[in-house]
Amino acid sequence: MKLPSTAHTSRPWRIHDIAPDFQFEDVWALRTPGGPDDLPRLVSTLVSDDSGTFPDSAPMPVRLLWAARWKIGAVFGWDGPNTGLGSRVNSLRDRLPEDLRQAPRGPDFKDVPFTSLYLLHNEWAAEMANRTVHTV
């Protein structure tokens, strides 16, 4: 279910200070197991092979959209080795304060090119970049 922007912007998350120049798009509520202190477990479950790797475990329309995006990206060269983090854009990891650089990074997705930045008890940030986007 889509939520109002304030569901994200009103939270005291660290990402607001790290990426103030990023355009906020939208926020969604997802049905997840566990409680408010279970984010590290949820993140681990999301990226593990046990739950099925995203997007392979996603609903059919989501899988089709991701497959189409990867095919189009291959045709237009959007996802080449010189189009992402460290090439086209610097990683947000370069902006992290020392305490977040020392924090656990969290797991990376296996089949989707997101790289974890940090994982706290109530916040996880991961980024991805290619020729069309730098997202967190």
N, C-alpha and C. Protein backbone atom coordinates (compact mmCIF):
# COMPACT_ATOMS: atom_id res chain seq x y z
N MET A 1 0.84 -1.16 0.00
CA MET A 1 0.00 0.00 0.00
C MET A 1 0.90 1.24 0.00
N LYS A 2 0.59 2.18 -0.87
CA LYS A 2 1.36 3.41 -0.95
C LYS A 2 1.01 4.30 0.25
N LEU A 3 2.05 4.92 0.81
CA LEU A 3 1.89 5.78 1.98
C LEU A 3 2.23 7.22 1.62
N PRO A 4 1.81 8.17 2.45
CA PRO A 4 2.21 9.56 2.20
C PRO A 4 3.72 9.73 2.39
N SER A 5 4.29 10.70 1.74
CA SER A 5 5.74 10.95 1.81
C SER A 5 6.21 11.13 3.25
N THR A 6 5.36 11.68 4.10
CA THR A 6 5.76 11.93 5.48
C THR A 6 6.05 10.64 6.25
N ALA A 7 5.55 9.50 5.76
CA ALA A 7 5.86 8.23 6.41
C ALA A 7 7.36 7.95 6.34
N HIS A 8 8.03 8.54 5.38
CA HIS A 8 9.49 8.43 5.26
C HIS A 8 10.18 9.69 5.80
N THR A 9 9.75 10.85 5.33
CA THR A 9 10.45 12.09 5.64
C THR A 9 10.37 12.49 7.11
N SER A 10 9.37 12.03 7.82
CA SER A 10 9.23 12.40 9.24
C SER A 10 10.05 11.51 10.16
N ARG A 11 10.62 10.45 9.64
CA ARG A 11 11.40 9.52 10.46
C ARG A 11 12.81 10.08 10.70
N PRO A 12 13.41 9.81 11.85
CA PRO A 12 14.75 10.33 12.15
C PRO A 12 15.86 9.47 11.56
N TRP A 13 15.70 9.04 10.32
CA TRP A 13 16.68 8.15 9.71
C TRP A 13 17.92 8.91 9.28
N ARG A 14 19.05 8.23 9.31
CA ARG A 14 20.34 8.81 8.98
C ARG A 14 20.46 9.13 7.48
N ILE A 15 19.74 8.39 6.65
CA ILE A 15 19.85 8.57 5.20
C ILE A 15 19.47 9.98 4.77
N HIS A 16 18.63 10.67 5.55
CA HIS A 16 18.24 12.04 5.19
C HIS A 16 19.46 12.97 5.13
N ASP A 17 20.41 12.77 6.04
CA ASP A 17 21.61 13.61 6.06
C ASP A 17 22.65 13.16 5.04
N ILE A 18 22.60 11.90 4.66
CA ILE A 18 23.59 11.35 3.74
C ILE A 18 23.25 11.64 2.28
N ALA A 19 21.98 11.65 1.96
CA ALA A 19 21.56 11.83 0.57
C ALA A 19 20.50 12.93 0.42
N PRO A 20 20.77 14.14 0.92
CA PRO A 20 19.76 15.20 0.82
C PRO A 20 19.51 15.65 -0.62
N ASP A 21 20.45 15.38 -1.52
CA ASP A 21 20.33 15.79 -2.91
C ASP A 21 19.58 14.78 -3.77
N PHE A 22 19.17 13.65 -3.19
CA PHE A 22 18.40 12.65 -3.93
C PHE A 22 16.94 13.05 -3.94
N GLN A 23 16.29 12.84 -5.07
CA GLN A 23 14.86 13.14 -5.20
C GLN A 23 14.05 12.01 -4.59
N PHE A 24 13.18 12.33 -3.67
CA PHE A 24 12.34 11.34 -3.04
C PHE A 24 11.21 10.97 -4.00
N GLU A 25 10.98 9.69 -4.21
CA GLU A 25 9.95 9.24 -5.14
C GLU A 25 8.67 8.80 -4.43
N ASP A 26 8.73 7.74 -3.64
CA ASP A 26 7.53 7.29 -2.94
C ASP A 26 7.90 6.31 -1.84
N VAL A 27 6.91 5.97 -1.02
CA VAL A 27 7.11 5.05 0.09
C VAL A 27 5.93 4.09 0.14
N TRP A 28 6.23 2.85 0.43
CA TRP A 28 5.22 1.80 0.43
C TRP A 28 5.29 1.01 1.73
N ALA A 29 4.14 0.56 2.19
CA ALA A 29 4.07 -0.35 3.34
C ALA A 29 4.08 -1.77 2.79
N LEU A 30 4.91 -2.60 3.36
CA LEU A 30 5.00 -3.99 2.95
C LEU A 30 4.62 -4.87 4.13
N ARG A 31 3.90 -5.93 3.85
CA ARG A 31 3.61 -6.89 4.90
C ARG A 31 4.86 -7.70 5.18
N THR A 32 5.30 -7.64 6.41
CA THR A 32 6.51 -8.35 6.77
C THR A 32 6.31 -9.08 8.09
N PRO A 33 7.03 -10.15 8.28
CA PRO A 33 6.96 -10.83 9.57
C PRO A 33 7.78 -10.08 10.61
N GLY A 34 7.53 -10.36 11.86
CA GLY A 34 8.34 -9.80 12.92
C GLY A 34 7.81 -8.49 13.44
N GLY A 35 8.61 -7.89 14.31
CA GLY A 35 8.24 -6.65 14.96
C GLY A 35 9.22 -5.54 14.67
N PRO A 36 9.13 -4.45 15.43
CA PRO A 36 9.96 -3.27 15.14
C PRO A 36 11.46 -3.48 15.33
N ASP A 37 11.86 -4.50 16.05
CA ASP A 37 13.29 -4.74 16.26
C ASP A 37 13.85 -5.86 15.39
N ASP A 38 13.09 -6.28 14.40
CA ASP A 38 13.47 -7.42 13.58
C ASP A 38 14.00 -7.04 12.20
N LEU A 39 14.38 -5.77 12.00
CA LEU A 39 14.85 -5.35 10.67
C LEU A 39 16.06 -6.15 10.20
N PRO A 40 17.10 -6.35 11.00
CA PRO A 40 18.24 -7.13 10.50
C PRO A 40 17.83 -8.54 10.04
N ARG A 41 16.93 -9.16 10.76
CA ARG A 41 16.45 -10.49 10.36
C ARG A 41 15.66 -10.41 9.05
N LEU A 42 14.82 -9.39 8.91
CA LEU A 42 14.03 -9.20 7.69
C LEU A 42 14.95 -8.97 6.49
N VAL A 43 15.95 -8.11 6.64
CA VAL A 43 16.89 -7.83 5.56
C VAL A 43 17.60 -9.11 5.14
N SER A 44 18.06 -9.86 6.11
CA SER A 44 18.74 -11.11 5.81
C SER A 44 17.84 -12.07 5.05
N THR A 45 16.58 -12.13 5.44
CA THR A 45 15.61 -12.99 4.77
C THR A 45 15.35 -12.52 3.34
N LEU A 46 15.27 -11.22 3.14
CA LEU A 46 15.01 -10.68 1.80
C LEU A 46 16.08 -11.06 0.79
N VAL A 47 17.31 -11.10 1.22
CA VAL A 47 18.40 -11.34 0.28
C VAL A 47 18.91 -12.77 0.29
N SER A 48 18.38 -13.61 1.16
CA SER A 48 18.88 -14.99 1.26
C SER A 48 18.28 -15.88 0.18
N ASP A 49 18.97 -16.95 -0.12
CA ASP A 49 18.46 -17.93 -1.07
C ASP A 49 17.27 -18.70 -0.50
N ASP A 50 17.15 -18.73 0.84
CA ASP A 50 16.06 -19.47 1.47
C ASP A 50 14.69 -18.92 1.10
N SER A 51 14.58 -17.59 0.96
CA SER A 51 13.29 -16.98 0.65
C SER A 51 13.09 -16.83 -0.85
N GLY A 52 14.08 -17.20 -1.64
CA GLY A 52 14.02 -16.94 -3.07
C GLY A 52 14.62 -15.58 -3.32
N THR A 53 15.47 -15.47 -4.28
CA THR A 53 16.18 -14.22 -4.52
C THR A 53 15.31 -13.28 -5.33
N PHE A 54 15.33 -11.99 -4.93
CA PHE A 54 14.62 -10.98 -5.68
C PHE A 54 15.38 -10.73 -6.99
N PRO A 55 14.73 -10.60 -8.10
CA PRO A 55 13.29 -10.55 -8.31
C PRO A 55 12.65 -11.91 -8.61
N ASP A 56 13.45 -12.98 -8.59
CA ASP A 56 12.91 -14.29 -8.95
C ASP A 56 11.75 -14.74 -8.07
N SER A 57 11.72 -14.29 -6.83
CA SER A 57 10.66 -14.69 -5.92
C SER A 57 9.49 -13.71 -5.91
N ALA A 58 9.59 -12.64 -6.68
CA ALA A 58 8.54 -11.61 -6.72
C ALA A 58 7.36 -12.08 -7.58
N PRO A 59 6.23 -11.39 -7.47
CA PRO A 59 5.08 -11.72 -8.33
C PRO A 59 5.43 -11.58 -9.81
N MET A 60 4.72 -12.29 -10.65
CA MET A 60 4.99 -12.33 -12.09
C MET A 60 5.12 -10.94 -12.72
N PRO A 61 4.21 -9.98 -12.46
CA PRO A 61 4.37 -8.66 -13.10
C PRO A 61 5.71 -7.99 -12.73
N VAL A 62 6.14 -8.16 -11.49
CA VAL A 62 7.41 -7.58 -11.06
C VAL A 62 8.57 -8.26 -11.79
N ARG A 63 8.52 -9.58 -11.89
CA ARG A 63 9.57 -10.31 -12.60
C ARG A 63 9.63 -9.89 -14.06
N LEU A 64 8.48 -9.72 -14.69
CA LEU A 64 8.45 -9.30 -16.09
C LEU A 64 9.03 -7.90 -16.28
N LEU A 65 8.71 -6.98 -15.38
CA LEU A 65 9.24 -5.63 -15.47
C LEU A 65 10.76 -5.62 -15.31
N TRP A 66 11.27 -6.36 -14.33
CA TRP A 66 12.72 -6.44 -14.14
C TRP A 66 13.39 -7.08 -15.36
N ALA A 67 12.83 -8.15 -15.89
CA ALA A 67 13.40 -8.82 -17.05
C ALA A 67 13.43 -7.87 -18.25
N ALA A 68 12.34 -7.13 -18.45
CA ALA A 68 12.29 -6.17 -19.56
C ALA A 68 13.34 -5.09 -19.37
N ARG A 69 13.47 -4.59 -18.15
CA ARG A 69 14.46 -3.54 -17.88
C ARG A 69 15.88 -4.03 -18.16
N TRP A 70 16.21 -5.26 -17.75
CA TRP A 70 17.55 -5.78 -18.00
C TRP A 70 17.81 -5.96 -19.49
N LYS A 71 16.80 -6.43 -20.24
CA LYS A 71 16.96 -6.60 -21.69
C LYS A 71 17.17 -5.26 -22.38
N ILE A 72 16.34 -4.28 -22.03
CA ILE A 72 16.47 -2.95 -22.63
C ILE A 72 17.81 -2.34 -22.26
N GLY A 73 18.21 -2.51 -20.99
CA GLY A 73 19.50 -2.00 -20.54
C GLY A 73 20.67 -2.61 -21.30
N ALA A 74 20.56 -3.89 -21.60
CA ALA A 74 21.62 -4.56 -22.36
C ALA A 74 21.71 -3.99 -23.78
N VAL A 75 20.56 -3.75 -24.40
CA VAL A 75 20.53 -3.21 -25.76
C VAL A 75 21.15 -1.81 -25.81
N PHE A 76 20.81 -0.96 -24.83
CA PHE A 76 21.27 0.43 -24.84
C PHE A 76 22.55 0.67 -24.04
N GLY A 77 23.12 -0.37 -23.44
CA GLY A 77 24.36 -0.23 -22.69
C GLY A 77 24.22 0.53 -21.38
N TRP A 78 23.06 0.45 -20.76
CA TRP A 78 22.81 1.20 -19.52
C TRP A 78 23.51 0.60 -18.31
N ASP A 79 23.88 -0.67 -18.37
CA ASP A 79 24.34 -1.37 -17.18
C ASP A 79 25.77 -1.88 -17.30
N GLY A 80 26.55 -1.29 -18.16
CA GLY A 80 27.92 -1.74 -18.36
C GLY A 80 28.81 -1.45 -17.16
N PRO A 81 30.01 -2.00 -17.16
CA PRO A 81 30.91 -1.85 -16.01
C PRO A 81 31.32 -0.41 -15.72
N ASN A 82 31.27 0.47 -16.70
CA ASN A 82 31.67 1.86 -16.49
C ASN A 82 30.49 2.80 -16.34
N THR A 83 29.32 2.27 -15.97
CA THR A 83 28.13 3.10 -15.89
C THR A 83 27.60 3.27 -14.46
N GLY A 84 28.23 2.64 -13.49
CA GLY A 84 27.65 2.63 -12.15
C GLY A 84 28.52 3.24 -11.08
N LEU A 85 28.46 2.63 -9.90
CA LEU A 85 29.19 3.12 -8.74
C LEU A 85 30.70 3.09 -8.99
N GLY A 86 31.34 4.18 -8.62
CA GLY A 86 32.79 4.25 -8.79
C GLY A 86 33.21 4.65 -10.19
N SER A 87 32.28 4.68 -11.14
CA SER A 87 32.59 5.09 -12.51
C SER A 87 31.82 6.35 -12.85
N ARG A 88 30.51 6.19 -13.01
CA ARG A 88 29.66 7.35 -13.34
C ARG A 88 29.39 8.21 -12.12
N VAL A 89 29.21 7.59 -10.96
CA VAL A 89 28.93 8.31 -9.72
C VAL A 89 29.75 7.71 -8.58
N ASN A 90 30.03 8.53 -7.58
CA ASN A 90 30.68 8.03 -6.37
C ASN A 90 29.65 7.33 -5.50
N SER A 91 30.10 6.36 -4.78
CA SER A 91 29.22 5.66 -3.86
C SER A 91 28.84 6.57 -2.70
N LEU A 92 27.63 6.41 -2.21
CA LEU A 92 27.22 7.13 -1.01
C LEU A 92 28.06 6.72 0.20
N ARG A 93 28.71 5.60 0.10
CA ARG A 93 29.59 5.16 1.19
C ARG A 93 30.65 6.22 1.48
N ASP A 94 31.05 6.98 0.46
CA ASP A 94 32.03 8.05 0.64
C ASP A 94 31.49 9.19 1.51
N ARG A 95 30.17 9.29 1.62
CA ARG A 95 29.54 10.35 2.41
C ARG A 95 29.25 9.93 3.85
N LEU A 96 29.40 8.67 4.16
CA LEU A 96 29.02 8.18 5.48
C LEU A 96 29.92 8.76 6.56
N PRO A 97 29.31 9.15 7.68
CA PRO A 97 30.14 9.53 8.82
C PRO A 97 30.85 8.29 9.38
N GLU A 98 31.87 8.50 10.15
CA GLU A 98 32.71 7.40 10.62
C GLU A 98 31.92 6.32 11.34
N ASP A 99 30.94 6.69 12.17
CA ASP A 99 30.20 5.66 12.90
C ASP A 99 29.44 4.73 11.96
N LEU A 100 28.93 5.25 10.85
CA LEU A 100 28.22 4.39 9.89
C LEU A 100 29.20 3.59 9.04
N ARG A 101 30.38 4.13 8.80
CA ARG A 101 31.41 3.34 8.08
C ARG A 101 31.82 2.12 8.89
N GLN A 102 31.76 2.26 10.20
CA GLN A 102 32.14 1.16 11.09
C GLN A 102 30.97 0.22 11.38
N ALA A 103 29.76 0.64 11.08
CA ALA A 103 28.56 -0.18 11.34
C ALA A 103 28.52 -1.36 10.38
N PRO A 104 27.79 -2.40 10.73
CA PRO A 104 27.63 -3.51 9.78
C PRO A 104 27.01 -3.00 8.47
N ARG A 105 27.49 -3.52 7.37
CA ARG A 105 26.96 -3.09 6.07
C ARG A 105 25.64 -3.75 5.75
N GLY A 106 25.46 -4.96 6.19
CA GLY A 106 24.27 -5.69 5.80
C GLY A 106 24.56 -6.48 4.54
N PRO A 107 23.69 -7.41 4.21
CA PRO A 107 23.93 -8.26 3.05
C PRO A 107 23.61 -7.54 1.74
N ASP A 108 24.25 -7.98 0.67
CA ASP A 108 23.94 -7.49 -0.67
C ASP A 108 23.02 -8.48 -1.36
N PHE A 109 22.18 -7.98 -2.24
CA PHE A 109 21.36 -8.86 -3.05
C PHE A 109 22.27 -9.66 -3.96
N LYS A 110 21.86 -10.86 -4.30
CA LYS A 110 22.69 -11.72 -5.15
C LYS A 110 22.47 -11.47 -6.63
N ASP A 111 21.24 -11.22 -7.07
CA ASP A 111 20.95 -11.09 -8.50
C ASP A 111 20.51 -9.68 -8.91
N VAL A 112 20.52 -8.75 -7.97
CA VAL A 112 20.15 -7.37 -8.25
C VAL A 112 21.33 -6.52 -7.79
N PRO A 113 21.78 -5.58 -8.60
CA PRO A 113 23.04 -4.89 -8.29
C PRO A 113 22.93 -3.79 -7.22
N PHE A 114 22.30 -4.10 -6.10
CA PHE A 114 22.28 -3.18 -4.97
C PHE A 114 23.43 -3.53 -4.04
N THR A 115 24.11 -2.52 -3.53
CA THR A 115 25.21 -2.69 -2.59
C THR A 115 24.79 -2.08 -1.26
N SER A 116 24.89 -2.86 -0.21
CA SER A 116 24.52 -2.36 1.11
C SER A 116 25.48 -1.28 1.58
N LEU A 117 24.93 -0.25 2.19
CA LEU A 117 25.73 0.82 2.77
C LEU A 117 25.90 0.63 4.28
N TYR A 118 24.79 0.38 4.96
CA TYR A 118 24.82 0.13 6.40
C TYR A 118 23.51 -0.53 6.83
N LEU A 119 23.58 -1.21 7.96
CA LEU A 119 22.41 -1.87 8.54
C LEU A 119 22.42 -1.58 10.03
N LEU A 120 21.42 -0.84 10.48
CA LEU A 120 21.24 -0.54 11.90
C LEU A 120 20.02 -1.31 12.41
N HIS A 121 19.70 -1.19 13.67
CA HIS A 121 18.56 -1.93 14.21
C HIS A 121 17.24 -1.47 13.61
N ASN A 122 17.17 -0.23 13.07
CA ASN A 122 15.92 0.29 12.53
C ASN A 122 16.06 0.94 11.15
N GLU A 123 17.19 0.75 10.50
CA GLU A 123 17.40 1.40 9.20
C GLU A 123 18.42 0.61 8.39
N TRP A 124 18.10 0.43 7.12
CA TRP A 124 19.01 -0.23 6.19
C TRP A 124 19.06 0.61 4.93
N ALA A 125 20.24 0.85 4.42
CA ALA A 125 20.38 1.58 3.17
C ALA A 125 21.26 0.78 2.22
N ALA A 126 20.81 0.69 0.99
CA ALA A 126 21.55 0.04 -0.09
C ALA A 126 21.42 0.93 -1.32
N GLU A 127 22.43 0.92 -2.17
CA GLU A 127 22.41 1.78 -3.35
C GLU A 127 22.69 0.99 -4.62
N MET A 128 22.30 1.59 -5.74
CA MET A 128 22.54 1.01 -7.05
C MET A 128 22.69 2.16 -8.03
N ALA A 129 23.58 2.01 -8.98
CA ALA A 129 23.75 3.03 -10.00
C ALA A 129 24.03 2.37 -11.34
N ASN A 130 23.53 3.01 -12.39
CA ASN A 130 23.84 2.63 -13.76
C ASN A 130 23.76 3.91 -14.59
N ARG A 131 23.68 3.79 -15.89
CA ARG A 131 23.67 4.97 -16.74
C ARG A 131 22.38 5.80 -16.56
N THR A 132 21.31 5.22 -16.03
CA THR A 132 20.03 5.91 -15.95
C THR A 132 19.67 6.38 -14.55
N VAL A 133 20.32 5.86 -13.50
CA VAL A 133 19.86 6.16 -12.15
C VAL A 133 20.97 5.95 -11.13
N HIS A 134 20.90 6.71 -10.07
CA HIS A 134 21.66 6.43 -8.83
C HIS A 134 20.59 6.44 -7.75
N THR A 135 20.33 5.32 -7.17
CA THR A 135 19.21 5.18 -6.25
C THR A 135 19.66 4.59 -4.93
N VAL A 136 18.90 4.91 -3.90
CA VAL A 136 19.19 4.36 -2.57
C VAL A 136 17.87 3.92 -1.94
